[in-house]
Amino acid sequence: MHVRKSRFGAVSIASVELPGRANDNFMYIFVNGTPMFVNPNNVFDHAPAPWAKNKAFLAIAKTHPNANVFPEEAFVGESARPGGGQRYRFAFPIVDGCHACARVGIVYVGYDFAHDGSAAGSSVTAIHECPSSDVRCETFVSGEI
């Protein structure tokens, strides 16, 4: 596990290697907040998913009826939140049916933490249709932590 201390608050991000994991051997978790560990993929546990009613996602789904967001997170960056706290940004690919199918878009999700490190929620910050100038449309690359 590799932990990167935040410049903006109490919560840090850790990269964890899971050799037996299918498709991708790494995952990220938020550490040192409240709760102590938060998995960014928890956003997939909520129904409906936060992008389900987003106009940009619905436009992609209209053209690609099998479009779904695949839980292969890529760390994008972190920033301070107005009024205190911090935000981590991740990108997730929108694929046309399966993890190995064509990448038809990218969903960016922000994970917010209050100044005391408590989880303050997540939200879609952007959605890009592929092809576009978004480098992640060509190759889904994870940011280094």
N, C-alpha and C. Protein backbone atom coordinates (compact mmCIF):
# COMPACT_ATOMS: atom_id res chain seq x y z
N MET A 1 0.86 -1.17 0.00
CA MET A 1 0.00 0.00 0.00
C MET A 1 0.90 1.24 0.00
N HIS A 2 0.53 2.20 -0.82
CA HIS A 2 1.25 3.47 -0.90
C HIS A 2 0.26 4.57 -0.51
N VAL A 3 0.61 5.38 0.49
CA VAL A 3 -0.27 6.45 0.97
C VAL A 3 0.31 7.80 0.55
N ARG A 4 -0.54 8.65 0.01
CA ARG A 4 -0.16 10.01 -0.35
C ARG A 4 -0.89 10.97 0.57
N LYS A 5 -0.16 11.68 1.38
CA LYS A 5 -0.74 12.65 2.31
C LYS A 5 -1.31 13.83 1.53
N SER A 6 -2.45 14.28 1.93
CA SER A 6 -3.11 15.40 1.28
C SER A 6 -2.48 16.73 1.66
N ARG A 7 -2.50 17.65 0.73
CA ARG A 7 -2.06 19.03 1.02
C ARG A 7 -3.23 19.86 1.53
N PHE A 8 -4.45 19.33 1.46
CA PHE A 8 -5.63 20.14 1.71
C PHE A 8 -6.48 19.73 2.91
N GLY A 9 -6.14 18.66 3.59
CA GLY A 9 -6.98 18.25 4.71
C GLY A 9 -6.50 16.97 5.36
N ALA A 10 -7.35 16.44 6.22
CA ALA A 10 -7.00 15.27 7.04
C ALA A 10 -6.99 13.97 6.25
N VAL A 11 -7.82 13.88 5.22
CA VAL A 11 -7.99 12.62 4.50
C VAL A 11 -6.88 12.45 3.46
N SER A 12 -6.27 11.26 3.47
CA SER A 12 -5.24 10.92 2.51
C SER A 12 -5.79 9.86 1.55
N ILE A 13 -5.06 9.61 0.49
CA ILE A 13 -5.47 8.59 -0.47
C ILE A 13 -4.40 7.51 -0.50
N ALA A 14 -4.83 6.26 -0.58
CA ALA A 14 -3.90 5.13 -0.62
C ALA A 14 -4.16 4.30 -1.86
N SER A 15 -3.09 3.83 -2.46
CA SER A 15 -3.16 2.91 -3.58
C SER A 15 -2.86 1.52 -3.03
N VAL A 16 -3.75 0.59 -3.28
CA VAL A 16 -3.63 -0.76 -2.73
C VAL A 16 -3.51 -1.75 -3.89
N GLU A 17 -2.52 -2.65 -3.81
CA GLU A 17 -2.36 -3.68 -4.83
C GLU A 17 -3.11 -4.93 -4.39
N LEU A 18 -3.94 -5.44 -5.29
CA LEU A 18 -4.71 -6.66 -5.04
C LEU A 18 -4.41 -7.63 -6.18
N PRO A 19 -3.38 -8.47 -6.05
CA PRO A 19 -2.93 -9.31 -7.16
C PRO A 19 -4.00 -10.23 -7.74
N GLY A 20 -4.98 -10.64 -6.97
CA GLY A 20 -6.00 -11.55 -7.46
C GLY A 20 -7.21 -10.87 -8.08
N ARG A 21 -7.20 -9.55 -8.12
CA ARG A 21 -8.35 -8.80 -8.64
C ARG A 21 -8.40 -8.91 -10.17
N ALA A 22 -9.58 -9.11 -10.70
CA ALA A 22 -9.76 -9.20 -12.15
C ALA A 22 -9.71 -7.81 -12.77
N ASN A 23 -9.20 -7.72 -13.99
CA ASN A 23 -9.18 -6.52 -14.83
C ASN A 23 -8.16 -5.47 -14.41
N ASP A 24 -7.97 -5.25 -13.14
CA ASP A 24 -7.07 -4.21 -12.66
C ASP A 24 -6.60 -4.62 -11.27
N ASN A 25 -5.31 -4.63 -11.05
CA ASN A 25 -4.78 -5.10 -9.77
C ASN A 25 -4.63 -4.02 -8.72
N PHE A 26 -5.08 -2.81 -9.00
CA PHE A 26 -4.95 -1.72 -8.05
C PHE A 26 -6.30 -1.10 -7.76
N MET A 27 -6.43 -0.58 -6.57
CA MET A 27 -7.61 0.20 -6.21
C MET A 27 -7.16 1.31 -5.28
N TYR A 28 -7.99 2.29 -5.13
CA TYR A 28 -7.72 3.41 -4.24
C TYR A 28 -8.69 3.37 -3.07
N ILE A 29 -8.24 3.85 -1.92
CA ILE A 29 -9.13 4.05 -0.78
C ILE A 29 -8.73 5.37 -0.11
N PHE A 30 -9.72 5.99 0.50
CA PHE A 30 -9.46 7.19 1.29
C PHE A 30 -9.21 6.72 2.72
N VAL A 31 -8.20 7.30 3.35
CA VAL A 31 -7.83 6.88 4.71
C VAL A 31 -7.70 8.09 5.63
N ASN A 32 -7.79 7.84 6.92
CA ASN A 32 -7.58 8.83 7.99
C ASN A 32 -8.73 9.81 8.17
N GLY A 33 -9.87 9.51 7.62
CA GLY A 33 -11.04 10.37 7.80
C GLY A 33 -12.07 9.68 8.67
N THR A 34 -13.32 10.12 8.53
CA THR A 34 -14.43 9.51 9.25
C THR A 34 -15.50 9.14 8.22
N PRO A 35 -15.71 7.85 7.95
CA PRO A 35 -15.08 6.70 8.58
C PRO A 35 -13.59 6.59 8.19
N MET A 36 -12.86 5.70 8.88
CA MET A 36 -11.41 5.59 8.72
C MET A 36 -11.02 5.20 7.28
N PHE A 37 -11.82 4.34 6.63
CA PHE A 37 -11.56 3.90 5.26
C PHE A 37 -12.81 4.14 4.42
N VAL A 38 -12.64 4.70 3.23
CA VAL A 38 -13.75 4.89 2.30
C VAL A 38 -13.29 4.42 0.92
N ASN A 39 -14.06 3.56 0.31
CA ASN A 39 -13.77 3.05 -1.02
C ASN A 39 -14.48 3.93 -2.05
N PRO A 40 -13.75 4.55 -3.01
CA PRO A 40 -14.41 5.38 -4.02
C PRO A 40 -15.45 4.62 -4.85
N ASN A 41 -15.29 3.30 -4.95
CA ASN A 41 -16.26 2.52 -5.73
C ASN A 41 -17.60 2.39 -5.02
N ASN A 42 -17.71 2.86 -3.78
CA ASN A 42 -19.01 2.84 -3.09
C ASN A 42 -20.06 3.64 -3.84
N VAL A 43 -19.64 4.55 -4.70
CA VAL A 43 -20.59 5.33 -5.50
C VAL A 43 -21.45 4.40 -6.37
N PHE A 44 -20.96 3.20 -6.67
CA PHE A 44 -21.70 2.25 -7.48
C PHE A 44 -22.75 1.51 -6.66
N ASP A 45 -22.69 1.62 -5.33
CA ASP A 45 -23.63 0.94 -4.46
C ASP A 45 -24.95 1.68 -4.30
N HIS A 46 -25.01 2.91 -4.77
CA HIS A 46 -26.21 3.73 -4.60
C HIS A 46 -27.12 3.60 -5.82
N ALA A 47 -28.39 3.46 -5.57
CA ALA A 47 -29.36 3.40 -6.67
C ALA A 47 -30.30 4.58 -6.54
N PRO A 48 -30.48 5.34 -7.57
CA PRO A 48 -29.77 5.24 -8.84
C PRO A 48 -28.37 5.82 -8.72
N ALA A 49 -27.50 5.41 -9.64
CA ALA A 49 -26.14 5.93 -9.68
C ALA A 49 -26.19 7.44 -9.91
N PRO A 50 -25.23 8.19 -9.40
CA PRO A 50 -25.29 9.65 -9.50
C PRO A 50 -25.30 10.18 -10.93
N TRP A 51 -24.85 9.41 -11.89
CA TRP A 51 -24.83 9.86 -13.29
C TRP A 51 -26.09 9.44 -14.05
N ALA A 52 -26.95 8.64 -13.45
CA ALA A 52 -28.10 8.05 -14.14
C ALA A 52 -29.05 9.08 -14.75
N LYS A 53 -29.18 10.24 -14.13
CA LYS A 53 -30.12 11.26 -14.64
C LYS A 53 -29.39 12.47 -15.22
N ASN A 54 -28.08 12.35 -15.38
CA ASN A 54 -27.28 13.44 -15.94
C ASN A 54 -27.54 13.53 -17.45
N LYS A 55 -27.77 14.74 -17.96
CA LYS A 55 -28.11 14.93 -19.37
C LYS A 55 -27.03 14.41 -20.30
N ALA A 56 -25.77 14.65 -19.96
CA ALA A 56 -24.68 14.18 -20.82
C ALA A 56 -24.63 12.65 -20.85
N PHE A 57 -24.84 12.00 -19.70
CA PHE A 57 -24.85 10.54 -19.67
C PHE A 57 -26.05 10.00 -20.45
N LEU A 58 -27.21 10.63 -20.30
CA LEU A 58 -28.40 10.18 -21.02
C LEU A 58 -28.22 10.32 -22.53
N ALA A 59 -27.51 11.36 -22.97
CA ALA A 59 -27.23 11.53 -24.41
C ALA A 59 -26.33 10.40 -24.91
N ILE A 60 -25.34 10.02 -24.12
CA ILE A 60 -24.46 8.91 -24.50
C ILE A 60 -25.26 7.61 -24.53
N ALA A 61 -26.12 7.41 -23.53
CA ALA A 61 -26.92 6.19 -23.46
C ALA A 61 -27.93 6.10 -24.60
N LYS A 62 -28.37 7.23 -25.09
CA LYS A 62 -29.31 7.24 -26.23
C LYS A 62 -28.62 6.69 -27.48
N THR A 63 -27.37 7.08 -27.67
CA THR A 63 -26.59 6.61 -28.82
C THR A 63 -26.05 5.20 -28.59
N HIS A 64 -25.76 4.87 -27.35
CA HIS A 64 -25.19 3.57 -26.97
C HIS A 64 -26.05 2.96 -25.87
N PRO A 65 -27.13 2.24 -26.24
CA PRO A 65 -28.07 1.72 -25.25
C PRO A 65 -27.46 0.80 -24.19
N ASN A 66 -26.29 0.21 -24.48
CA ASN A 66 -25.64 -0.68 -23.52
C ASN A 66 -24.62 0.05 -22.65
N ALA A 67 -24.60 1.37 -22.74
CA ALA A 67 -23.60 2.15 -21.99
C ALA A 67 -23.76 1.95 -20.49
N ASN A 68 -22.63 1.72 -19.84
CA ASN A 68 -22.62 1.66 -18.38
C ASN A 68 -21.25 2.11 -17.90
N VAL A 69 -21.21 2.56 -16.67
CA VAL A 69 -19.97 3.04 -16.07
C VAL A 69 -19.29 1.86 -15.41
N PHE A 70 -18.01 1.68 -15.77
CA PHE A 70 -17.24 0.56 -15.26
C PHE A 70 -16.41 1.02 -14.06
N PRO A 71 -16.41 0.27 -12.96
CA PRO A 71 -15.70 0.69 -11.75
C PRO A 71 -14.19 0.49 -11.82
N GLU A 72 -13.56 1.11 -12.81
CA GLU A 72 -12.10 1.12 -12.93
C GLU A 72 -11.66 2.56 -12.73
N GLU A 73 -11.45 2.94 -11.48
CA GLU A 73 -11.20 4.34 -11.15
C GLU A 73 -9.79 4.77 -11.52
N ALA A 74 -9.69 6.00 -11.96
CA ALA A 74 -8.39 6.63 -12.21
C ALA A 74 -8.34 7.90 -11.38
N PHE A 75 -7.32 8.03 -10.57
CA PHE A 75 -7.14 9.22 -9.75
C PHE A 75 -6.81 10.40 -10.65
N VAL A 76 -7.55 11.50 -10.50
CA VAL A 76 -7.35 12.69 -11.32
C VAL A 76 -6.62 13.77 -10.54
N GLY A 77 -7.05 14.02 -9.30
CA GLY A 77 -6.39 15.06 -8.51
C GLY A 77 -7.16 15.38 -7.25
N GLU A 78 -6.63 16.36 -6.53
CA GLU A 78 -7.27 16.81 -5.29
C GLU A 78 -7.23 18.33 -5.24
N SER A 79 -8.14 18.88 -4.47
CA SER A 79 -8.19 20.34 -4.32
C SER A 79 -8.85 20.68 -2.99
N ALA A 80 -8.68 21.94 -2.60
CA ALA A 80 -9.36 22.45 -1.41
C ALA A 80 -10.79 22.80 -1.80
N ARG A 81 -11.72 22.60 -0.88
CA ARG A 81 -13.11 22.99 -1.10
C ARG A 81 -13.32 24.40 -0.58
N PRO A 82 -14.14 25.17 -1.26
CA PRO A 82 -14.47 26.51 -0.73
C PRO A 82 -15.06 26.36 0.67
N GLY A 83 -14.61 27.13 1.60
CA GLY A 83 -15.11 27.05 2.97
C GLY A 83 -14.43 25.99 3.81
N GLY A 84 -13.45 25.30 3.26
CA GLY A 84 -12.72 24.28 4.02
C GLY A 84 -13.01 22.88 3.55
N GLY A 85 -12.15 21.99 3.91
CA GLY A 85 -12.29 20.61 3.49
C GLY A 85 -11.53 20.35 2.20
N GLN A 86 -11.79 19.20 1.64
CA GLN A 86 -11.05 18.79 0.45
C GLN A 86 -11.92 17.99 -0.50
N ARG A 87 -11.48 17.93 -1.77
CA ARG A 87 -12.17 17.14 -2.80
C ARG A 87 -11.13 16.33 -3.54
N TYR A 88 -11.43 15.05 -3.70
CA TYR A 88 -10.65 14.17 -4.57
C TYR A 88 -11.48 13.91 -5.81
N ARG A 89 -10.83 13.92 -6.98
CA ARG A 89 -11.52 13.65 -8.25
C ARG A 89 -11.00 12.36 -8.86
N PHE A 90 -11.95 11.56 -9.33
CA PHE A 90 -11.65 10.31 -10.03
C PHE A 90 -12.42 10.30 -11.34
N ALA A 91 -11.88 9.54 -12.30
CA ALA A 91 -12.55 9.33 -13.57
C ALA A 91 -12.89 7.85 -13.69
N PHE A 92 -14.04 7.57 -14.27
CA PHE A 92 -14.49 6.21 -14.52
C PHE A 92 -14.89 6.12 -15.99
N PRO A 93 -14.52 5.04 -16.70
CA PRO A 93 -14.90 4.93 -18.11
C PRO A 93 -16.37 4.55 -18.28
N ILE A 94 -16.99 5.11 -19.30
CA ILE A 94 -18.31 4.66 -19.74
C ILE A 94 -18.03 3.73 -20.91
N VAL A 95 -18.43 2.48 -20.76
CA VAL A 95 -18.16 1.48 -21.79
C VAL A 95 -19.46 1.05 -22.46
N ASP A 96 -19.32 0.52 -23.66
CA ASP A 96 -20.48 0.12 -24.45
C ASP A 96 -20.82 -1.34 -24.19
N GLY A 97 -21.17 -1.67 -22.95
CA GLY A 97 -21.66 -2.99 -22.63
C GLY A 97 -20.79 -3.82 -21.70
N CYS A 98 -19.48 -3.83 -21.90
CA CYS A 98 -18.61 -4.67 -21.07
C CYS A 98 -17.29 -3.95 -20.84
N HIS A 99 -16.50 -4.43 -19.89
CA HIS A 99 -15.25 -3.74 -19.57
C HIS A 99 -14.27 -3.72 -20.74
N ALA A 100 -14.34 -4.70 -21.64
CA ALA A 100 -13.44 -4.75 -22.79
C ALA A 100 -14.05 -4.10 -24.03
N CYS A 101 -15.28 -3.62 -23.93
CA CYS A 101 -15.96 -3.00 -25.07
C CYS A 101 -15.47 -1.57 -25.27
N ALA A 102 -15.93 -0.95 -26.32
CA ALA A 102 -15.50 0.40 -26.66
C ALA A 102 -15.79 1.38 -25.53
N ARG A 103 -14.85 2.29 -25.32
CA ARG A 103 -15.00 3.38 -24.35
C ARG A 103 -15.78 4.49 -25.05
N VAL A 104 -16.98 4.80 -24.55
CA VAL A 104 -17.83 5.79 -25.21
C VAL A 104 -17.94 7.09 -24.42
N GLY A 105 -17.34 7.13 -23.24
CA GLY A 105 -17.38 8.34 -22.43
C GLY A 105 -16.59 8.18 -21.15
N ILE A 106 -16.49 9.29 -20.42
CA ILE A 106 -15.79 9.33 -19.15
C ILE A 106 -16.65 10.09 -18.15
N VAL A 107 -16.82 9.54 -16.96
CA VAL A 107 -17.53 10.20 -15.87
C VAL A 107 -16.49 10.63 -14.83
N TYR A 108 -16.56 11.90 -14.44
CA TYR A 108 -15.69 12.40 -13.37
C TYR A 108 -16.54 12.58 -12.13
N VAL A 109 -16.04 12.03 -11.02
CA VAL A 109 -16.76 12.09 -9.75
C VAL A 109 -15.87 12.76 -8.71
N GLY A 110 -16.44 13.71 -7.98
CA GLY A 110 -15.74 14.38 -6.89
C GLY A 110 -16.19 13.79 -5.57
N TYR A 111 -15.24 13.49 -4.72
CA TYR A 111 -15.50 12.97 -3.37
C TYR A 111 -15.10 14.06 -2.39
N ASP A 112 -16.06 14.54 -1.63
CA ASP A 112 -15.83 15.66 -0.73
C ASP A 112 -15.70 15.21 0.72
N PHE A 113 -14.79 15.89 1.43
CA PHE A 113 -14.58 15.66 2.85
C PHE A 113 -14.57 17.01 3.54
N ALA A 114 -15.22 17.08 4.70
CA ALA A 114 -15.28 18.32 5.49
C ALA A 114 -13.92 18.58 6.12
N HIS A 115 -13.77 19.77 6.69
CA HIS A 115 -12.48 20.15 7.29
C HIS A 115 -12.02 19.20 8.39
N ASP A 116 -12.97 18.50 9.04
CA ASP A 116 -12.61 17.56 10.11
C ASP A 116 -12.35 16.14 9.58
N GLY A 117 -12.42 15.95 8.26
CA GLY A 117 -12.16 14.65 7.65
C GLY A 117 -13.38 13.77 7.48
N SER A 118 -14.56 14.27 7.86
CA SER A 118 -15.76 13.46 7.69
C SER A 118 -16.22 13.47 6.24
N ALA A 119 -16.69 12.32 5.77
CA ALA A 119 -17.17 12.19 4.40
C ALA A 119 -18.37 13.11 4.21
N ALA A 120 -18.32 13.93 3.15
CA ALA A 120 -19.37 14.91 2.90
C ALA A 120 -20.14 14.61 1.62
N GLY A 121 -19.87 13.46 0.99
CA GLY A 121 -20.64 13.07 -0.18
C GLY A 121 -19.83 13.05 -1.46
N SER A 122 -20.49 12.60 -2.52
CA SER A 122 -19.86 12.54 -3.84
C SER A 122 -20.85 13.07 -4.87
N SER A 123 -20.29 13.56 -5.98
CA SER A 123 -21.15 14.08 -7.04
C SER A 123 -20.42 14.02 -8.37
N VAL A 124 -21.18 13.94 -9.44
CA VAL A 124 -20.61 13.97 -10.79
C VAL A 124 -20.16 15.40 -11.05
N THR A 125 -18.90 15.55 -11.47
CA THR A 125 -18.37 16.89 -11.75
C THR A 125 -18.31 17.16 -13.25
N ALA A 126 -18.24 16.10 -14.07
CA ALA A 126 -18.22 16.27 -15.53
C ALA A 126 -18.45 14.92 -16.19
N ILE A 127 -18.97 14.97 -17.41
CA ILE A 127 -19.09 13.77 -18.25
C ILE A 127 -18.67 14.19 -19.65
N HIS A 128 -17.77 13.40 -20.24
CA HIS A 128 -17.30 13.67 -21.60
C HIS A 128 -17.65 12.49 -22.48
N GLU A 129 -18.19 12.76 -23.64
CA GLU A 129 -18.43 11.71 -24.62
C GLU A 129 -17.14 11.46 -25.39
N CYS A 130 -16.89 10.21 -25.74
CA CYS A 130 -15.73 9.87 -26.58
C CYS A 130 -16.23 9.64 -28.00
N PRO A 131 -15.46 9.99 -29.01
CA PRO A 131 -14.14 10.59 -28.91
C PRO A 131 -14.24 12.06 -28.53
N SER A 132 -13.21 12.54 -27.88
CA SER A 132 -13.12 13.94 -27.50
C SER A 132 -11.65 14.25 -27.24
N SER A 133 -11.38 15.45 -26.80
CA SER A 133 -10.00 15.80 -26.48
C SER A 133 -9.57 15.23 -25.13
N ASP A 134 -10.47 14.57 -24.43
CA ASP A 134 -10.15 13.96 -23.14
C ASP A 134 -9.21 12.78 -23.37
N VAL A 135 -8.00 12.87 -22.86
CA VAL A 135 -6.98 11.83 -23.06
C VAL A 135 -7.47 10.47 -22.59
N ARG A 136 -8.36 10.42 -21.63
CA ARG A 136 -8.84 9.13 -21.12
C ARG A 136 -9.75 8.42 -22.11
N CYS A 137 -10.19 9.09 -23.16
CA CYS A 137 -10.96 8.41 -24.20
C CYS A 137 -10.07 7.46 -24.99
N GLU A 138 -8.80 7.81 -25.14
CA GLU A 138 -7.86 6.97 -25.88
C GLU A 138 -7.32 5.85 -25.01
N THR A 139 -6.81 6.18 -23.87
CA THR A 139 -6.22 5.21 -22.95
C THR A 139 -6.66 5.58 -21.56
N PHE A 140 -7.24 4.63 -20.87
CA PHE A 140 -7.69 4.93 -19.52
C PHE A 140 -6.51 4.75 -18.59
N VAL A 141 -5.88 5.87 -18.24
CA VAL A 141 -4.69 5.83 -17.42
C VAL A 141 -4.95 6.39 -16.05
N SER A 142 -4.43 5.72 -15.08
CA SER A 142 -4.58 6.16 -13.71
C SER A 142 -3.53 7.20 -13.38
N GLY A 143 -3.90 8.19 -12.61
CA GLY A 143 -2.93 9.16 -12.13
C GLY A 143 -2.04 8.53 -11.09
N GLU A 144 -0.85 9.03 -10.97
CA GLU A 144 0.08 8.51 -9.98
C GLU A 144 -0.16 9.19 -8.65
N ILE A 145 -0.11 8.42 -7.59
CA ILE A 145 -0.21 9.05 -6.27
C ILE A 145 1.09 8.92 -5.54
